[in-house]
Amino acid sequence: MAEAEFMGKTFTIDEDGFIEAYEDGKCEEWIQYVKQQEGIDELNDEHRKVINMLREYYEKNGIAPMVRVLSKVTKFKLKHIYELFPSGPGKGACKMAGLPKPTGCV
């Protein structure tokens, strides 16, 4: 396990940069850390909508939603989700939301 330090906080991350403990990733410092890592300049309400939906789904179901569920619930086309999170809904959005690495995520 590796550690990442950002804005005075230390996070334990796996080899792919996903946070080890979901509860540790439910903070603004984690979101800002991943934002920087992903090369996203500004977070807007659409980013927050995706992050919040992912967290709510994870807390209810214990897993990340399938991409089509994410698209349906947020009402964002998959292309737009990739515009928001260039590394994709699994690698970028789930990581920013503090979720574990989704199954099948590259």
N, C-alpha and C. Protein backbone atom coordinates (compact mmCIF):
# COMPACT_ATOMS: atom_id res chain seq x y z
N MET A 1 0.84 -1.19 0.00
CA MET A 1 0.00 0.00 0.00
C MET A 1 0.88 1.25 0.00
N ALA A 2 0.41 2.22 -0.70
CA ALA A 2 1.12 3.48 -0.77
C ALA A 2 0.31 4.54 -0.02
N GLU A 3 0.94 5.66 0.18
CA GLU A 3 0.25 6.78 0.81
C GLU A 3 0.36 7.99 -0.09
N ALA A 4 -0.68 8.81 -0.04
CA ALA A 4 -0.70 10.07 -0.76
C ALA A 4 -1.00 11.16 0.26
N GLU A 5 -0.27 12.24 0.20
CA GLU A 5 -0.52 13.38 1.08
C GLU A 5 -1.01 14.55 0.25
N PHE A 6 -2.06 15.21 0.76
CA PHE A 6 -2.63 16.35 0.05
C PHE A 6 -3.39 17.21 1.04
N MET A 7 -3.15 18.51 1.01
CA MET A 7 -3.84 19.48 1.84
C MET A 7 -3.84 19.08 3.32
N GLY A 8 -2.72 18.55 3.79
CA GLY A 8 -2.58 18.20 5.19
C GLY A 8 -3.18 16.86 5.60
N LYS A 9 -3.69 16.11 4.65
CA LYS A 9 -4.26 14.80 4.94
C LYS A 9 -3.43 13.72 4.27
N THR A 10 -3.38 12.56 4.88
CA THR A 10 -2.69 11.41 4.32
C THR A 10 -3.72 10.34 4.01
N PHE A 11 -3.65 9.80 2.80
CA PHE A 11 -4.58 8.78 2.34
C PHE A 11 -3.81 7.52 1.99
N THR A 12 -4.33 6.38 2.40
CA THR A 12 -3.77 5.10 2.00
C THR A 12 -4.45 4.69 0.71
N ILE A 13 -3.63 4.43 -0.32
CA ILE A 13 -4.16 4.11 -1.65
C ILE A 13 -3.59 2.78 -2.14
N ASP A 14 -4.31 2.17 -3.07
CA ASP A 14 -3.81 0.93 -3.67
C ASP A 14 -2.90 1.26 -4.85
N GLU A 15 -2.45 0.22 -5.56
CA GLU A 15 -1.50 0.42 -6.65
C GLU A 15 -2.08 1.19 -7.83
N ASP A 16 -3.42 1.28 -7.90
CA ASP A 16 -4.07 2.03 -8.97
C ASP A 16 -4.53 3.42 -8.53
N GLY A 17 -4.21 3.79 -7.29
CA GLY A 17 -4.56 5.12 -6.80
C GLY A 17 -5.93 5.23 -6.17
N PHE A 18 -6.63 4.11 -6.00
CA PHE A 18 -7.94 4.14 -5.34
C PHE A 18 -7.72 4.12 -3.83
N ILE A 19 -8.53 4.88 -3.12
CA ILE A 19 -8.39 4.96 -1.67
C ILE A 19 -8.79 3.62 -1.04
N GLU A 20 -8.07 3.24 -0.01
CA GLU A 20 -8.31 1.94 0.63
C GLU A 20 -9.57 1.93 1.48
N ALA A 21 -9.83 2.99 2.21
CA ALA A 21 -10.99 3.04 3.11
C ALA A 21 -12.00 4.06 2.60
N TYR A 22 -13.18 3.58 2.24
CA TYR A 22 -14.22 4.45 1.70
C TYR A 22 -14.49 5.67 2.59
N GLU A 23 -14.57 5.46 3.88
CA GLU A 23 -14.86 6.56 4.81
C GLU A 23 -13.79 7.66 4.73
N ASP A 24 -12.54 7.28 4.45
CA ASP A 24 -11.47 8.27 4.34
C ASP A 24 -11.59 9.12 3.09
N GLY A 25 -12.29 8.61 2.09
CA GLY A 25 -12.44 9.33 0.83
C GLY A 25 -13.66 10.22 0.76
N LYS A 26 -14.44 10.26 1.82
CA LYS A 26 -15.64 11.09 1.83
C LYS A 26 -15.33 12.49 2.36
N CYS A 27 -14.31 13.11 1.77
CA CYS A 27 -13.93 14.46 2.19
C CYS A 27 -13.52 15.27 0.97
N GLU A 28 -13.57 16.56 1.11
CA GLU A 28 -13.23 17.45 0.01
C GLU A 28 -11.76 17.34 -0.38
N GLU A 29 -10.90 17.07 0.58
CA GLU A 29 -9.47 16.95 0.27
C GLU A 29 -9.22 15.80 -0.71
N TRP A 30 -9.94 14.67 -0.53
CA TRP A 30 -9.77 13.55 -1.45
C TRP A 30 -10.26 13.93 -2.85
N ILE A 31 -11.42 14.57 -2.92
CA ILE A 31 -11.95 15.00 -4.22
C ILE A 31 -10.94 15.91 -4.91
N GLN A 32 -10.39 16.86 -4.18
CA GLN A 32 -9.43 17.80 -4.78
C GLN A 32 -8.14 17.08 -5.19
N TYR A 33 -7.72 16.09 -4.42
CA TYR A 33 -6.53 15.32 -4.76
C TYR A 33 -6.73 14.58 -6.09
N VAL A 34 -7.86 13.88 -6.21
CA VAL A 34 -8.13 13.13 -7.44
C VAL A 34 -8.33 14.08 -8.61
N LYS A 35 -8.99 15.19 -8.38
CA LYS A 35 -9.18 16.21 -9.42
C LYS A 35 -7.84 16.60 -10.02
N GLN A 36 -6.88 16.85 -9.16
CA GLN A 36 -5.54 17.22 -9.60
C GLN A 36 -4.89 16.06 -10.37
N GLN A 37 -5.00 14.85 -9.83
CA GLN A 37 -4.42 13.67 -10.48
C GLN A 37 -5.03 13.42 -11.86
N GLU A 38 -6.31 13.69 -11.99
CA GLU A 38 -7.02 13.44 -13.24
C GLU A 38 -6.87 14.57 -14.24
N GLY A 39 -6.29 15.69 -13.82
CA GLY A 39 -6.11 16.82 -14.73
C GLY A 39 -7.40 17.58 -15.03
N ILE A 40 -8.32 17.57 -14.09
CA ILE A 40 -9.58 18.30 -14.24
C ILE A 40 -9.38 19.69 -13.66
N ASP A 41 -9.65 20.71 -14.46
CA ASP A 41 -9.41 22.09 -14.01
C ASP A 41 -10.40 22.55 -12.96
N GLU A 42 -11.68 22.43 -13.27
CA GLU A 42 -12.73 22.91 -12.37
C GLU A 42 -13.80 21.85 -12.18
N LEU A 43 -14.26 21.70 -10.96
CA LEU A 43 -15.40 20.83 -10.69
C LEU A 43 -16.67 21.66 -10.74
N ASN A 44 -17.67 21.15 -11.45
CA ASN A 44 -18.93 21.87 -11.52
C ASN A 44 -20.05 21.02 -10.90
N ASP A 45 -21.27 21.52 -11.00
CA ASP A 45 -22.41 20.81 -10.42
C ASP A 45 -22.62 19.44 -11.04
N GLU A 46 -22.26 19.27 -12.30
CA GLU A 46 -22.42 17.97 -12.96
C GLU A 46 -21.42 16.96 -12.39
N HIS A 47 -20.19 17.38 -12.12
CA HIS A 47 -19.22 16.50 -11.47
C HIS A 47 -19.77 16.06 -10.11
N ARG A 48 -20.27 17.02 -9.36
CA ARG A 48 -20.79 16.74 -8.01
C ARG A 48 -21.99 15.80 -8.06
N LYS A 49 -22.84 15.97 -9.08
CA LYS A 49 -24.00 15.09 -9.22
C LYS A 49 -23.56 13.65 -9.42
N VAL A 50 -22.55 13.44 -10.26
CA VAL A 50 -22.04 12.09 -10.51
C VAL A 50 -21.42 11.53 -9.22
N ILE A 51 -20.58 12.32 -8.56
CA ILE A 51 -19.92 11.88 -7.32
C ILE A 51 -20.96 11.50 -6.27
N ASN A 52 -21.94 12.35 -6.06
CA ASN A 52 -22.97 12.08 -5.05
C ASN A 52 -23.80 10.84 -5.40
N MET A 53 -24.14 10.68 -6.68
CA MET A 53 -24.91 9.51 -7.09
C MET A 53 -24.11 8.23 -6.85
N LEU A 54 -22.81 8.26 -7.18
CA LEU A 54 -21.96 7.09 -6.97
C LEU A 54 -21.89 6.73 -5.49
N ARG A 55 -21.72 7.73 -4.65
CA ARG A 55 -21.65 7.47 -3.21
C ARG A 55 -22.96 6.91 -2.67
N GLU A 56 -24.08 7.49 -3.08
CA GLU A 56 -25.38 7.02 -2.62
C GLU A 56 -25.61 5.57 -3.05
N TYR A 57 -25.30 5.27 -4.29
CA TYR A 57 -25.49 3.91 -4.81
C TYR A 57 -24.59 2.93 -4.06
N TYR A 58 -23.34 3.31 -3.86
CA TYR A 58 -22.38 2.45 -3.16
C TYR A 58 -22.83 2.18 -1.72
N GLU A 59 -23.28 3.22 -1.04
CA GLU A 59 -23.71 3.06 0.35
C GLU A 59 -24.95 2.17 0.46
N LYS A 60 -25.79 2.20 -0.54
CA LYS A 60 -27.00 1.38 -0.53
C LYS A 60 -26.72 -0.06 -0.98
N ASN A 61 -25.83 -0.24 -1.98
CA ASN A 61 -25.65 -1.54 -2.61
C ASN A 61 -24.30 -2.21 -2.37
N GLY A 62 -23.33 -1.47 -1.87
CA GLY A 62 -22.02 -2.04 -1.59
C GLY A 62 -21.12 -2.22 -2.80
N ILE A 63 -21.57 -1.77 -3.96
CA ILE A 63 -20.78 -1.82 -5.19
C ILE A 63 -21.03 -0.56 -6.01
N ALA A 64 -20.17 -0.31 -6.98
CA ALA A 64 -20.39 0.80 -7.90
C ALA A 64 -21.46 0.40 -8.91
N PRO A 65 -22.25 1.34 -9.38
CA PRO A 65 -23.27 1.00 -10.36
C PRO A 65 -22.65 0.71 -11.73
N MET A 66 -23.38 -0.05 -12.54
CA MET A 66 -22.95 -0.24 -13.92
C MET A 66 -23.06 1.11 -14.63
N VAL A 67 -22.29 1.27 -15.68
CA VAL A 67 -22.24 2.54 -16.39
C VAL A 67 -23.62 2.97 -16.89
N ARG A 68 -24.39 2.03 -17.38
CA ARG A 68 -25.70 2.44 -17.90
C ARG A 68 -26.63 2.90 -16.78
N VAL A 69 -26.47 2.36 -15.58
CA VAL A 69 -27.26 2.83 -14.43
C VAL A 69 -26.83 4.25 -14.07
N LEU A 70 -25.53 4.48 -14.05
CA LEU A 70 -25.01 5.83 -13.77
C LEU A 70 -25.57 6.83 -14.77
N SER A 71 -25.54 6.46 -16.03
CA SER A 71 -26.04 7.33 -17.09
C SER A 71 -27.54 7.58 -16.95
N LYS A 72 -28.28 6.54 -16.63
CA LYS A 72 -29.74 6.67 -16.50
C LYS A 72 -30.11 7.55 -15.31
N VAL A 73 -29.48 7.33 -14.17
CA VAL A 73 -29.84 8.08 -12.96
C VAL A 73 -29.44 9.56 -13.08
N THR A 74 -28.25 9.81 -13.63
CA THR A 74 -27.79 11.20 -13.75
C THR A 74 -28.41 11.90 -14.95
N LYS A 75 -28.94 11.10 -15.89
CA LYS A 75 -29.48 11.61 -17.16
C LYS A 75 -28.38 12.22 -18.04
N PHE A 76 -27.14 11.78 -17.83
CA PHE A 76 -26.01 12.20 -18.66
C PHE A 76 -25.67 11.08 -19.62
N LYS A 77 -25.47 11.43 -20.89
CA LYS A 77 -25.02 10.44 -21.86
C LYS A 77 -23.61 10.01 -21.47
N LEU A 78 -23.26 8.77 -21.84
CA LEU A 78 -21.95 8.24 -21.52
C LEU A 78 -20.84 9.15 -22.05
N LYS A 79 -21.03 9.68 -23.23
CA LYS A 79 -20.03 10.59 -23.82
C LYS A 79 -19.79 11.79 -22.90
N HIS A 80 -20.86 12.31 -22.31
CA HIS A 80 -20.72 13.47 -21.43
C HIS A 80 -20.01 13.09 -20.13
N ILE A 81 -20.26 11.89 -19.62
CA ILE A 81 -19.56 11.44 -18.40
C ILE A 81 -18.06 11.38 -18.67
N TYR A 82 -17.69 10.92 -19.87
CA TYR A 82 -16.27 10.89 -20.24
C TYR A 82 -15.71 12.30 -20.41
N GLU A 83 -16.53 13.25 -20.81
CA GLU A 83 -16.09 14.64 -20.89
C GLU A 83 -15.82 15.19 -19.48
N LEU A 84 -16.68 14.81 -18.54
CA LEU A 84 -16.50 15.25 -17.16
C LEU A 84 -15.30 14.57 -16.50
N PHE A 85 -15.16 13.28 -16.75
CA PHE A 85 -14.11 12.46 -16.15
C PHE A 85 -13.34 11.78 -17.28
N PRO A 86 -12.29 12.42 -17.80
CA PRO A 86 -11.58 11.92 -18.99
C PRO A 86 -11.06 10.48 -18.86
N SER A 87 -10.74 10.02 -17.66
CA SER A 87 -10.27 8.64 -17.53
C SER A 87 -11.44 7.66 -17.37
N GLY A 88 -12.66 8.17 -17.43
CA GLY A 88 -13.85 7.32 -17.44
C GLY A 88 -14.60 7.26 -16.13
N PRO A 89 -15.79 6.68 -16.19
CA PRO A 89 -16.62 6.59 -14.99
C PRO A 89 -16.04 5.66 -13.93
N GLY A 90 -15.35 4.61 -14.33
CA GLY A 90 -14.77 3.69 -13.35
C GLY A 90 -13.50 4.22 -12.74
N LYS A 91 -12.56 4.54 -13.60
CA LYS A 91 -11.26 4.97 -13.10
C LYS A 91 -11.29 6.38 -12.52
N GLY A 92 -11.98 7.30 -13.16
CA GLY A 92 -11.99 8.69 -12.70
C GLY A 92 -13.09 9.01 -11.70
N ALA A 93 -14.33 8.77 -12.10
CA ALA A 93 -15.46 9.17 -11.26
C ALA A 93 -15.54 8.34 -9.98
N CYS A 94 -15.39 7.03 -10.09
CA CYS A 94 -15.45 6.19 -8.89
C CYS A 94 -14.29 6.49 -7.95
N LYS A 95 -13.13 6.73 -8.53
CA LYS A 95 -11.97 7.07 -7.70
C LYS A 95 -12.23 8.38 -6.96
N MET A 96 -12.76 9.38 -7.66
CA MET A 96 -13.02 10.67 -7.03
C MET A 96 -14.10 10.56 -5.95
N ALA A 97 -15.06 9.67 -6.16
CA ALA A 97 -16.12 9.48 -5.17
C ALA A 97 -15.63 8.71 -3.95
N GLY A 98 -14.43 8.15 -4.03
CA GLY A 98 -13.87 7.42 -2.91
C GLY A 98 -14.27 5.95 -2.87
N LEU A 99 -14.83 5.45 -3.97
CA LEU A 99 -15.24 4.06 -4.04
C LEU A 99 -14.04 3.15 -4.31
N PRO A 100 -14.14 1.88 -3.93
CA PRO A 100 -13.09 0.94 -4.30
C PRO A 100 -13.07 0.78 -5.82
N LYS A 101 -11.97 0.27 -6.32
CA LYS A 101 -11.86 0.04 -7.76
C LYS A 101 -12.97 -0.90 -8.21
N PRO A 102 -13.79 -0.44 -9.19
CA PRO A 102 -14.89 -1.29 -9.67
C PRO A 102 -14.38 -2.56 -10.37
N THR A 103 -15.13 -3.62 -10.28
CA THR A 103 -14.81 -4.86 -10.96
C THR A 103 -14.76 -4.60 -12.46
N GLY A 104 -13.72 -5.08 -13.10
CA GLY A 104 -13.59 -4.89 -14.54
C GLY A 104 -12.99 -3.56 -14.92
N CYS A 105 -12.64 -2.74 -13.96
CA CYS A 105 -12.04 -1.44 -14.24
C CYS A 105 -10.57 -1.65 -14.61
N VAL A 106 -10.15 -1.01 -15.68
CA VAL A 106 -8.76 -1.16 -16.12
C VAL A 106 -7.83 -0.33 -15.28
